[in-house]
Every structure is written in C-alpha cells, then in structure tokens.
Amino acid sequence: MSPITTSEETITKIKAFLSEEFEADQSAMVPSASLKEVLDLDSLDYIDLVVVIESNFHFKVKPEDFTGILTFQNFYDYIISKVNTKAIA
C-alpha cells in the first residue's frame, strides 16, 4: 500500500511529465487553462496521454473518465482522486 501523496506533489509530477511528453510550458498549466489547447492535443495525443498517466501513476484510465476533463484543474483533480483512491485500496 502506497502512502497518500499531497496535491502539490502530484501536481508537480503531472506538470513535469506533461512538459516532457508534450513539450508544453509548465507556466501555462494553470488550473483554469484548457488542457487541450495548452498541450495542443488531437485524438492520437489523448492516447499518448492515457499511456503516460498509466505509466506514471499506475492505474487504468477509462476513456469515459475524460469526458469531464476540460481544464488543468479537472485533470489534476482526476489524477489526485485516482491516486488517493488507489493508495487507500
């Protein structure tokens, strides 16, 4: 069982892998910013994003999980929720 991480630790990790994978500026990854626009995502990029999430955070992502993720805050909340749920299980 892994310990529950803080939101700040998780967001820092998220920004690091998004910056590396999608060559995006971390300073643009503010909570209200559009995930799709800042990362310049197309449909194939979403597949890459799922792979990167699964390899970094070790949980399975379902396609329907992304329906409500529009902003970085939505994305951060989703990852933090999944990581902490997994840590408790």
N, C-alpha and C. Protein backbone atom coordinates (compact mmCIF):
# COMPACT_ATOMS: atom_id res chain seq x y z
N MET A 1 0.85 -1.19 0.00
CA MET A 1 0.00 0.00 0.00
C MET A 1 0.89 1.24 0.00
N SER A 2 0.67 2.12 -0.95
CA SER A 2 1.49 3.32 -1.02
C SER A 2 0.81 4.45 -0.25
N PRO A 3 1.62 5.35 0.28
CA PRO A 3 1.03 6.46 1.05
C PRO A 3 0.30 7.44 0.14
N ILE A 4 -0.63 8.15 0.74
CA ILE A 4 -1.35 9.18 0.01
C ILE A 4 -0.40 10.36 -0.19
N THR A 5 -0.29 10.83 -1.42
CA THR A 5 0.59 11.96 -1.70
C THR A 5 -0.19 13.25 -1.59
N THR A 6 0.53 14.33 -1.41
CA THR A 6 -0.15 15.63 -1.33
C THR A 6 -0.50 16.09 -2.74
N SER A 7 -1.44 16.98 -2.80
CA SER A 7 -1.85 17.53 -4.08
C SER A 7 -0.70 18.24 -4.77
N GLU A 8 0.10 18.97 -3.98
CA GLU A 8 1.23 19.71 -4.56
C GLU A 8 2.24 18.77 -5.20
N GLU A 9 2.56 17.66 -4.50
CA GLU A 9 3.50 16.68 -5.05
C GLU A 9 2.97 16.10 -6.35
N THR A 10 1.71 15.77 -6.36
CA THR A 10 1.09 15.16 -7.54
C THR A 10 1.05 16.15 -8.70
N ILE A 11 0.67 17.38 -8.43
CA ILE A 11 0.61 18.39 -9.50
C ILE A 11 2.00 18.66 -10.06
N THR A 12 3.01 18.70 -9.22
CA THR A 12 4.38 18.88 -9.69
C THR A 12 4.78 17.74 -10.62
N LYS A 13 4.44 16.53 -10.23
CA LYS A 13 4.76 15.36 -11.06
C LYS A 13 4.00 15.41 -12.40
N ILE A 14 2.73 15.78 -12.33
CA ILE A 14 1.91 15.89 -13.55
C ILE A 14 2.53 16.92 -14.50
N LYS A 15 2.85 18.09 -13.99
CA LYS A 15 3.42 19.14 -14.83
C LYS A 15 4.73 18.68 -15.46
N ALA A 16 5.55 17.97 -14.69
CA ALA A 16 6.84 17.51 -15.21
C ALA A 16 6.65 16.55 -16.38
N PHE A 17 5.76 15.54 -16.22
CA PHE A 17 5.61 14.59 -17.33
C PHE A 17 4.87 15.18 -18.51
N LEU A 18 3.93 16.10 -18.27
CA LEU A 18 3.25 16.75 -19.40
C LEU A 18 4.22 17.63 -20.17
N SER A 19 5.06 18.34 -19.45
CA SER A 19 6.05 19.21 -20.08
C SER A 19 7.00 18.40 -20.94
N GLU A 20 7.44 17.27 -20.41
CA GLU A 20 8.37 16.42 -21.15
C GLU A 20 7.70 15.75 -22.34
N GLU A 21 6.53 15.18 -22.12
CA GLU A 21 5.85 14.40 -23.16
C GLU A 21 5.29 15.28 -24.29
N PHE A 22 4.73 16.43 -23.92
CA PHE A 22 4.04 17.26 -24.91
C PHE A 22 4.78 18.56 -25.20
N GLU A 23 5.98 18.71 -24.66
CA GLU A 23 6.80 19.90 -24.88
C GLU A 23 6.01 21.18 -24.60
N ALA A 24 5.30 21.18 -23.49
CA ALA A 24 4.49 22.33 -23.11
C ALA A 24 5.17 23.09 -21.97
N ASP A 25 4.90 24.38 -21.92
CA ASP A 25 5.45 25.25 -20.89
C ASP A 25 4.68 25.03 -19.58
N GLN A 26 5.40 24.66 -18.52
CA GLN A 26 4.73 24.40 -17.24
C GLN A 26 4.02 25.64 -16.70
N SER A 27 4.52 26.83 -17.02
CA SER A 27 3.88 28.04 -16.51
C SER A 27 2.50 28.26 -17.13
N ALA A 28 2.22 27.61 -18.26
CA ALA A 28 0.91 27.73 -18.90
C ALA A 28 -0.11 26.75 -18.32
N MET A 29 0.36 25.82 -17.47
CA MET A 29 -0.51 24.78 -16.92
C MET A 29 -1.22 25.25 -15.65
N VAL A 30 -1.88 26.39 -15.75
CA VAL A 30 -2.63 26.94 -14.63
C VAL A 30 -3.98 26.23 -14.54
N PRO A 31 -4.56 26.18 -13.33
CA PRO A 31 -5.80 25.42 -13.15
C PRO A 31 -6.93 25.74 -14.13
N SER A 32 -7.08 27.01 -14.51
CA SER A 32 -8.21 27.38 -15.38
C SER A 32 -7.92 27.20 -16.88
N ALA A 33 -6.69 26.89 -17.23
CA ALA A 33 -6.32 26.76 -18.65
C ALA A 33 -6.90 25.49 -19.26
N SER A 34 -7.14 25.54 -20.56
CA SER A 34 -7.67 24.40 -21.29
C SER A 34 -6.57 23.37 -21.52
N LEU A 35 -6.80 22.16 -21.06
CA LEU A 35 -5.84 21.07 -21.24
C LEU A 35 -5.56 20.83 -22.72
N LYS A 36 -6.62 20.79 -23.50
CA LYS A 36 -6.49 20.52 -24.93
C LYS A 36 -5.70 21.60 -25.65
N GLU A 37 -5.98 22.86 -25.33
CA GLU A 37 -5.31 23.97 -26.02
C GLU A 37 -3.85 24.11 -25.62
N VAL A 38 -3.56 24.07 -24.32
CA VAL A 38 -2.18 24.26 -23.86
C VAL A 38 -1.28 23.13 -24.35
N LEU A 39 -1.80 21.90 -24.31
CA LEU A 39 -0.99 20.76 -24.75
C LEU A 39 -1.12 20.50 -26.25
N ASP A 40 -2.01 21.24 -26.92
CA ASP A 40 -2.26 21.08 -28.35
C ASP A 40 -2.59 19.63 -28.69
N LEU A 41 -3.59 19.10 -27.99
CA LEU A 41 -3.95 17.69 -28.11
C LEU A 41 -4.87 17.41 -29.28
N ASP A 42 -4.57 16.34 -30.02
CA ASP A 42 -5.52 15.81 -31.00
C ASP A 42 -5.91 14.41 -30.51
N SER A 43 -6.69 13.69 -31.28
CA SER A 43 -7.19 12.40 -30.79
C SER A 43 -6.07 11.41 -30.50
N LEU A 44 -5.02 11.41 -31.30
CA LEU A 44 -3.90 10.50 -31.03
C LEU A 44 -3.13 10.91 -29.79
N ASP A 45 -3.04 12.21 -29.53
CA ASP A 45 -2.36 12.68 -28.33
C ASP A 45 -3.06 12.22 -27.06
N TYR A 46 -4.38 12.10 -27.12
CA TYR A 46 -5.11 11.62 -25.95
C TYR A 46 -4.70 10.18 -25.61
N ILE A 47 -4.44 9.39 -26.62
CA ILE A 47 -3.96 8.02 -26.39
C ILE A 47 -2.60 8.07 -25.71
N ASP A 48 -1.71 8.94 -26.20
CA ASP A 48 -0.41 9.11 -25.56
C ASP A 48 -0.57 9.57 -24.11
N LEU A 49 -1.50 10.47 -23.89
CA LEU A 49 -1.74 11.00 -22.55
C LEU A 49 -2.18 9.88 -21.60
N VAL A 50 -3.07 9.02 -22.06
CA VAL A 50 -3.52 7.88 -21.26
C VAL A 50 -2.34 6.97 -20.91
N VAL A 51 -1.51 6.67 -21.88
CA VAL A 51 -0.34 5.81 -21.66
C VAL A 51 0.59 6.43 -20.63
N VAL A 52 0.83 7.73 -20.76
CA VAL A 52 1.72 8.43 -19.83
C VAL A 52 1.13 8.43 -18.41
N ILE A 53 -0.16 8.65 -18.29
CA ILE A 53 -0.82 8.64 -16.97
C ILE A 53 -0.67 7.25 -16.35
N GLU A 54 -0.99 6.23 -17.13
CA GLU A 54 -0.94 4.86 -16.60
C GLU A 54 0.48 4.47 -16.18
N SER A 55 1.48 4.89 -16.95
CA SER A 55 2.85 4.51 -16.59
C SER A 55 3.38 5.32 -15.42
N ASN A 56 2.93 6.55 -15.26
CA ASN A 56 3.41 7.39 -14.16
C ASN A 56 2.67 7.16 -12.85
N PHE A 57 1.38 6.84 -12.94
CA PHE A 57 0.57 6.74 -11.73
C PHE A 57 0.01 5.35 -11.46
N HIS A 58 0.23 4.43 -12.37
CA HIS A 58 -0.09 3.01 -12.17
C HIS A 58 -1.56 2.73 -11.84
N PHE A 59 -2.44 3.34 -12.61
CA PHE A 59 -3.86 2.97 -12.57
C PHE A 59 -4.39 3.01 -13.99
N LYS A 60 -5.46 2.26 -14.21
CA LYS A 60 -6.07 2.15 -15.54
C LYS A 60 -6.99 3.33 -15.79
N VAL A 61 -6.84 3.93 -16.95
CA VAL A 61 -7.68 5.06 -17.34
C VAL A 61 -8.75 4.55 -18.29
N LYS A 62 -10.01 4.91 -18.00
CA LYS A 62 -11.11 4.55 -18.89
C LYS A 62 -11.40 5.75 -19.79
N PRO A 63 -11.72 5.51 -21.06
CA PRO A 63 -12.00 6.64 -21.97
C PRO A 63 -13.08 7.57 -21.44
N GLU A 64 -14.10 7.01 -20.80
CA GLU A 64 -15.20 7.86 -20.32
C GLU A 64 -14.75 8.78 -19.17
N ASP A 65 -13.62 8.47 -18.54
CA ASP A 65 -13.10 9.33 -17.47
C ASP A 65 -12.76 10.72 -18.00
N PHE A 66 -12.44 10.82 -19.29
CA PHE A 66 -12.00 12.08 -19.86
C PHE A 66 -13.14 12.99 -20.31
N THR A 67 -14.37 12.53 -20.25
CA THR A 67 -15.48 13.35 -20.76
C THR A 67 -15.62 14.68 -20.03
N GLY A 68 -15.33 14.73 -18.74
CA GLY A 68 -15.48 15.98 -18.00
C GLY A 68 -14.20 16.74 -17.79
N ILE A 69 -13.11 16.28 -18.37
CA ILE A 69 -11.82 16.93 -18.15
C ILE A 69 -11.56 17.95 -19.25
N LEU A 70 -11.75 19.21 -18.90
CA LEU A 70 -11.54 20.29 -19.85
C LEU A 70 -10.36 21.18 -19.46
N THR A 71 -10.22 21.41 -18.15
CA THR A 71 -9.17 22.30 -17.67
C THR A 71 -8.09 21.50 -16.93
N PHE A 72 -6.98 22.18 -16.66
CA PHE A 72 -5.93 21.53 -15.88
C PHE A 72 -6.43 21.17 -14.49
N GLN A 73 -7.30 22.03 -13.91
CA GLN A 73 -7.83 21.71 -12.58
C GLN A 73 -8.63 20.41 -12.63
N ASN A 74 -9.45 20.22 -13.66
CA ASN A 74 -10.19 18.97 -13.81
C ASN A 74 -9.23 17.80 -13.87
N PHE A 75 -8.16 17.97 -14.64
CA PHE A 75 -7.15 16.92 -14.83
C PHE A 75 -6.42 16.62 -13.52
N TYR A 76 -5.99 17.68 -12.83
CA TYR A 76 -5.31 17.49 -11.55
C TYR A 76 -6.23 16.76 -10.56
N ASP A 77 -7.47 17.21 -10.46
CA ASP A 77 -8.43 16.59 -9.53
C ASP A 77 -8.64 15.12 -9.85
N TYR A 78 -8.75 14.81 -11.14
CA TYR A 78 -8.95 13.42 -11.57
C TYR A 78 -7.77 12.54 -11.14
N ILE A 79 -6.55 12.99 -11.42
CA ILE A 79 -5.36 12.20 -11.08
C ILE A 79 -5.24 12.05 -9.57
N ILE A 80 -5.39 13.15 -8.84
CA ILE A 80 -5.26 13.11 -7.37
C ILE A 80 -6.29 12.16 -6.78
N SER A 81 -7.51 12.23 -7.26
CA SER A 81 -8.58 11.35 -6.78
C SER A 81 -8.23 9.88 -7.03
N LYS A 82 -7.78 9.57 -8.24
CA LYS A 82 -7.44 8.18 -8.59
C LYS A 82 -6.25 7.69 -7.78
N VAL A 83 -5.22 8.52 -7.64
CA VAL A 83 -4.02 8.13 -6.89
C VAL A 83 -4.38 7.86 -5.43
N ASN A 84 -5.17 8.74 -4.84
CA ASN A 84 -5.52 8.58 -3.42
C ASN A 84 -6.49 7.42 -3.20
N THR A 85 -7.37 7.16 -4.15
CA THR A 85 -8.27 6.01 -4.05
C THR A 85 -7.47 4.72 -4.11
N LYS A 86 -6.48 4.69 -5.01
CA LYS A 86 -5.63 3.52 -5.15
C LYS A 86 -4.80 3.30 -3.89
N ALA A 87 -4.32 4.39 -3.27
CA ALA A 87 -3.49 4.30 -2.07
C ALA A 87 -4.29 3.74 -0.90
N ILE A 88 -5.57 4.05 -0.86
CA ILE A 88 -6.43 3.58 0.24
C ILE A 88 -6.80 2.11 0.05
N ALA A 89 -6.98 1.70 -1.20
CA ALA A 89 -7.44 0.34 -1.50
C ALA A 89 -6.46 -0.72 -1.06
